[in-house]
Amino acid sequence: MPFIRTSVHKDISQQQRQCIVDGIHQALVDSIGMPSDELFNMLAEYESSQFWCSRTFNGITRSDRVVVVEITLRHGRSD
């Protein structure tokens, strides 16, 4: 069972949060064959003063509304 922690900026709407969680979940279902009812995603919010990142790393312009996704997945699934 993958356990996902997702962090979003506090200004992200509830609808956007739901779309982010749904997208992560569907990606796991599609990519590793995870059962569609196996949803464990803890979503937390952060303030701008709690997260630092380069807004220009690798030549890509980023906003200050970064979504951070951490996936904990135990060995046991086939490649």
N, C-alpha and C. Protein backbone atom coordinates (compact mmCIF):
# COMPACT_ATOMS: atom_id res chain seq x y z
N MET A 1 0.84 -1.16 0.00
CA MET A 1 0.00 0.00 0.00
C MET A 1 0.89 1.24 0.00
N PRO A 2 0.88 2.01 -1.07
CA PRO A 2 1.62 3.27 -1.05
C PRO A 2 0.94 4.26 -0.10
N PHE A 3 1.77 5.01 0.61
CA PHE A 3 1.26 6.10 1.43
C PHE A 3 1.82 7.37 0.85
N ILE A 4 0.94 8.31 0.57
CA ILE A 4 1.34 9.55 -0.10
C ILE A 4 1.13 10.72 0.85
N ARG A 5 2.13 11.60 0.87
CA ARG A 5 2.01 12.88 1.57
C ARG A 5 2.14 13.96 0.50
N THR A 6 1.14 14.81 0.43
CA THR A 6 1.12 15.87 -0.55
C THR A 6 1.06 17.21 0.18
N SER A 7 1.95 18.11 -0.17
CA SER A 7 1.95 19.44 0.43
C SER A 7 1.64 20.47 -0.64
N VAL A 8 0.70 21.35 -0.33
CA VAL A 8 0.29 22.41 -1.26
C VAL A 8 0.30 23.75 -0.54
N HIS A 9 0.42 24.81 -1.30
CA HIS A 9 0.35 26.15 -0.72
C HIS A 9 -1.04 26.38 -0.13
N LYS A 10 -1.12 27.12 0.93
CA LYS A 10 -2.39 27.32 1.63
C LYS A 10 -3.46 27.97 0.76
N ASP A 11 -3.07 28.67 -0.30
CA ASP A 11 -4.04 29.34 -1.17
C ASP A 11 -4.65 28.44 -2.23
N ILE A 12 -4.21 27.21 -2.31
CA ILE A 12 -4.77 26.27 -3.30
C ILE A 12 -6.20 25.92 -2.90
N SER A 13 -7.13 26.02 -3.84
CA SER A 13 -8.55 25.78 -3.54
C SER A 13 -8.83 24.31 -3.25
N GLN A 14 -9.96 24.06 -2.63
CA GLN A 14 -10.36 22.68 -2.34
C GLN A 14 -10.54 21.88 -3.62
N GLN A 15 -11.07 22.51 -4.65
CA GLN A 15 -11.24 21.82 -5.93
C GLN A 15 -9.89 21.45 -6.53
N GLN A 16 -8.91 22.36 -6.47
CA GLN A 16 -7.57 22.07 -6.98
C GLN A 16 -6.92 20.96 -6.15
N ARG A 17 -7.11 20.98 -4.86
CA ARG A 17 -6.55 19.94 -3.98
C ARG A 17 -7.09 18.57 -4.38
N GLN A 18 -8.41 18.51 -4.61
CA GLN A 18 -9.03 17.25 -5.01
C GLN A 18 -8.48 16.77 -6.35
N CYS A 19 -8.28 17.68 -7.29
CA CYS A 19 -7.73 17.30 -8.59
C CYS A 19 -6.30 16.78 -8.46
N ILE A 20 -5.51 17.39 -7.59
CA ILE A 20 -4.13 16.95 -7.37
C ILE A 20 -4.12 15.55 -6.79
N VAL A 21 -4.92 15.31 -5.74
CA VAL A 21 -5.00 13.98 -5.13
C VAL A 21 -5.49 12.95 -6.15
N ASP A 22 -6.51 13.29 -6.90
CA ASP A 22 -7.04 12.36 -7.92
C ASP A 22 -5.99 12.04 -8.98
N GLY A 23 -5.24 13.05 -9.40
CA GLY A 23 -4.22 12.83 -10.42
C GLY A 23 -3.09 11.93 -9.95
N ILE A 24 -2.64 12.15 -8.72
CA ILE A 24 -1.59 11.30 -8.14
C ILE A 24 -2.10 9.87 -8.04
N HIS A 25 -3.31 9.72 -7.55
CA HIS A 25 -3.89 8.39 -7.38
C HIS A 25 -4.02 7.67 -8.73
N GLN A 26 -4.52 8.37 -9.73
CA GLN A 26 -4.69 7.73 -11.04
C GLN A 26 -3.34 7.35 -11.64
N ALA A 27 -2.32 8.18 -11.43
CA ALA A 27 -0.98 7.86 -11.93
C ALA A 27 -0.47 6.57 -11.31
N LEU A 28 -0.72 6.36 -10.02
CA LEU A 28 -0.28 5.12 -9.37
C LEU A 28 -1.09 3.92 -9.85
N VAL A 29 -2.37 4.11 -10.04
CA VAL A 29 -3.20 3.02 -10.58
C VAL A 29 -2.70 2.62 -11.97
N ASP A 30 -2.44 3.62 -12.81
CA ASP A 30 -2.00 3.35 -14.18
C ASP A 30 -0.58 2.80 -14.26
N SER A 31 0.32 3.31 -13.40
CA SER A 31 1.73 2.96 -13.56
C SER A 31 2.16 1.70 -12.82
N ILE A 32 1.60 1.44 -11.65
CA ILE A 32 2.04 0.26 -10.89
C ILE A 32 0.91 -0.74 -10.67
N GLY A 33 -0.23 -0.49 -11.27
CA GLY A 33 -1.34 -1.43 -11.14
C GLY A 33 -1.97 -1.44 -9.75
N MET A 34 -1.84 -0.34 -9.04
CA MET A 34 -2.42 -0.25 -7.70
C MET A 34 -3.95 -0.35 -7.81
N PRO A 35 -4.59 -1.08 -6.91
CA PRO A 35 -6.05 -1.14 -6.94
C PRO A 35 -6.67 0.25 -6.81
N SER A 36 -7.73 0.50 -7.53
CA SER A 36 -8.33 1.84 -7.55
C SER A 36 -8.91 2.26 -6.21
N ASP A 37 -9.20 1.30 -5.34
CA ASP A 37 -9.76 1.66 -4.02
C ASP A 37 -8.67 1.79 -2.95
N GLU A 38 -7.42 1.76 -3.34
CA GLU A 38 -6.30 1.84 -2.40
C GLU A 38 -5.79 3.28 -2.34
N LEU A 39 -6.54 4.13 -1.66
CA LEU A 39 -6.21 5.55 -1.61
C LEU A 39 -5.82 5.95 -0.19
N PHE A 40 -4.56 6.35 0.00
CA PHE A 40 -4.05 6.84 1.28
C PHE A 40 -3.15 8.03 0.98
N ASN A 41 -3.71 9.23 1.04
CA ASN A 41 -2.98 10.44 0.69
C ASN A 41 -3.26 11.49 1.76
N MET A 42 -2.23 11.86 2.51
CA MET A 42 -2.38 12.90 3.53
C MET A 42 -1.96 14.22 2.92
N LEU A 43 -2.89 15.15 2.85
CA LEU A 43 -2.62 16.44 2.25
C LEU A 43 -2.41 17.48 3.35
N ALA A 44 -1.34 18.24 3.23
CA ALA A 44 -1.05 19.30 4.19
C ALA A 44 -0.81 20.59 3.42
N GLU A 45 -1.00 21.69 4.10
CA GLU A 45 -0.74 22.97 3.44
C GLU A 45 0.45 23.66 4.09
N TYR A 46 1.08 24.53 3.33
CA TYR A 46 2.20 25.29 3.85
C TYR A 46 2.00 26.76 3.48
N GLU A 47 2.67 27.63 4.24
CA GLU A 47 2.70 29.06 3.94
C GLU A 47 3.97 29.36 3.16
N SER A 48 3.97 30.45 2.44
CA SER A 48 5.14 30.82 1.64
C SER A 48 6.42 30.86 2.48
N SER A 49 6.31 31.26 3.73
CA SER A 49 7.49 31.37 4.60
C SER A 49 8.00 30.01 5.08
N GLN A 50 7.30 28.92 4.72
CA GLN A 50 7.70 27.59 5.19
C GLN A 50 8.35 26.73 4.11
N PHE A 51 8.48 27.25 2.90
CA PHE A 51 9.03 26.44 1.82
C PHE A 51 9.92 27.30 0.94
N TRP A 52 11.12 26.84 0.71
CA TRP A 52 12.06 27.54 -0.18
C TRP A 52 12.41 26.63 -1.34
N CYS A 53 12.48 27.22 -2.52
CA CYS A 53 12.94 26.48 -3.68
C CYS A 53 13.44 27.47 -4.71
N SER A 54 14.30 27.00 -5.59
CA SER A 54 14.79 27.84 -6.67
C SER A 54 13.67 28.01 -7.69
N ARG A 55 13.37 29.23 -8.01
CA ARG A 55 12.30 29.50 -8.97
C ARG A 55 12.80 29.43 -10.41
N THR A 56 14.12 29.19 -10.58
CA THR A 56 14.68 29.14 -11.94
C THR A 56 15.60 27.95 -12.17
N PHE A 57 15.61 26.97 -11.29
CA PHE A 57 16.48 25.81 -11.43
C PHE A 57 16.30 25.14 -12.78
N ASN A 58 17.41 24.82 -13.39
CA ASN A 58 17.44 24.08 -14.66
C ASN A 58 16.72 24.82 -15.79
N GLY A 59 16.67 26.16 -15.67
CA GLY A 59 16.07 26.95 -16.74
C GLY A 59 14.56 26.94 -16.81
N ILE A 60 13.91 26.42 -15.77
CA ILE A 60 12.44 26.35 -15.76
C ILE A 60 11.92 27.39 -14.77
N THR A 61 11.01 28.22 -15.21
CA THR A 61 10.41 29.21 -14.32
C THR A 61 9.30 28.56 -13.52
N ARG A 62 9.36 28.72 -12.20
CA ARG A 62 8.38 28.12 -11.30
C ARG A 62 7.63 29.19 -10.53
N SER A 63 6.41 28.90 -10.15
CA SER A 63 5.65 29.79 -9.30
C SER A 63 6.03 29.52 -7.84
N ASP A 64 5.42 30.24 -6.94
CA ASP A 64 5.66 29.99 -5.52
C ASP A 64 4.58 29.06 -4.95
N ARG A 65 3.86 28.39 -5.82
CA ARG A 65 2.81 27.44 -5.41
C ARG A 65 3.22 26.01 -5.76
N VAL A 66 4.38 25.60 -5.29
CA VAL A 66 4.92 24.28 -5.60
C VAL A 66 4.08 23.20 -4.91
N VAL A 67 3.84 22.11 -5.61
CA VAL A 67 3.19 20.93 -5.02
C VAL A 67 4.28 19.91 -4.76
N VAL A 68 4.37 19.44 -3.52
CA VAL A 68 5.38 18.46 -3.13
C VAL A 68 4.67 17.13 -2.89
N VAL A 69 5.16 16.09 -3.55
CA VAL A 69 4.55 14.75 -3.43
C VAL A 69 5.61 13.79 -2.91
N GLU A 70 5.33 13.15 -1.79
CA GLU A 70 6.22 12.13 -1.21
C GLU A 70 5.46 10.82 -1.23
N ILE A 71 6.06 9.80 -1.83
CA ILE A 71 5.41 8.48 -1.90
C ILE A 71 6.27 7.47 -1.16
N THR A 72 5.66 6.81 -0.19
CA THR A 72 6.32 5.71 0.52
C THR A 72 5.72 4.42 0.00
N LEU A 73 6.58 3.59 -0.60
CA LEU A 73 6.10 2.36 -1.23
C LEU A 73 7.00 1.23 -0.79
N ARG A 74 6.42 0.25 -0.19
CA ARG A 74 7.17 -0.90 0.30
C ARG A 74 7.50 -1.87 -0.83
N HIS A 75 8.65 -2.51 -0.70
CA HIS A 75 9.03 -3.55 -1.66
C HIS A 75 7.97 -4.65 -1.64
N GLY A 76 7.67 -5.18 -2.78
CA GLY A 76 6.69 -6.26 -2.84
C GLY A 76 5.88 -6.24 -4.12
N ARG A 77 5.87 -5.12 -4.79
CA ARG A 77 5.18 -5.05 -6.07
C ARG A 77 6.16 -5.42 -7.18
N SER A 78 5.67 -6.07 -8.19
CA SER A 78 6.55 -6.44 -9.30
C SER A 78 6.85 -5.19 -10.13
N ASP A 79 7.93 -5.25 -10.90
CA ASP A 79 8.26 -4.12 -11.77
C ASP A 79 7.18 -3.90 -12.80
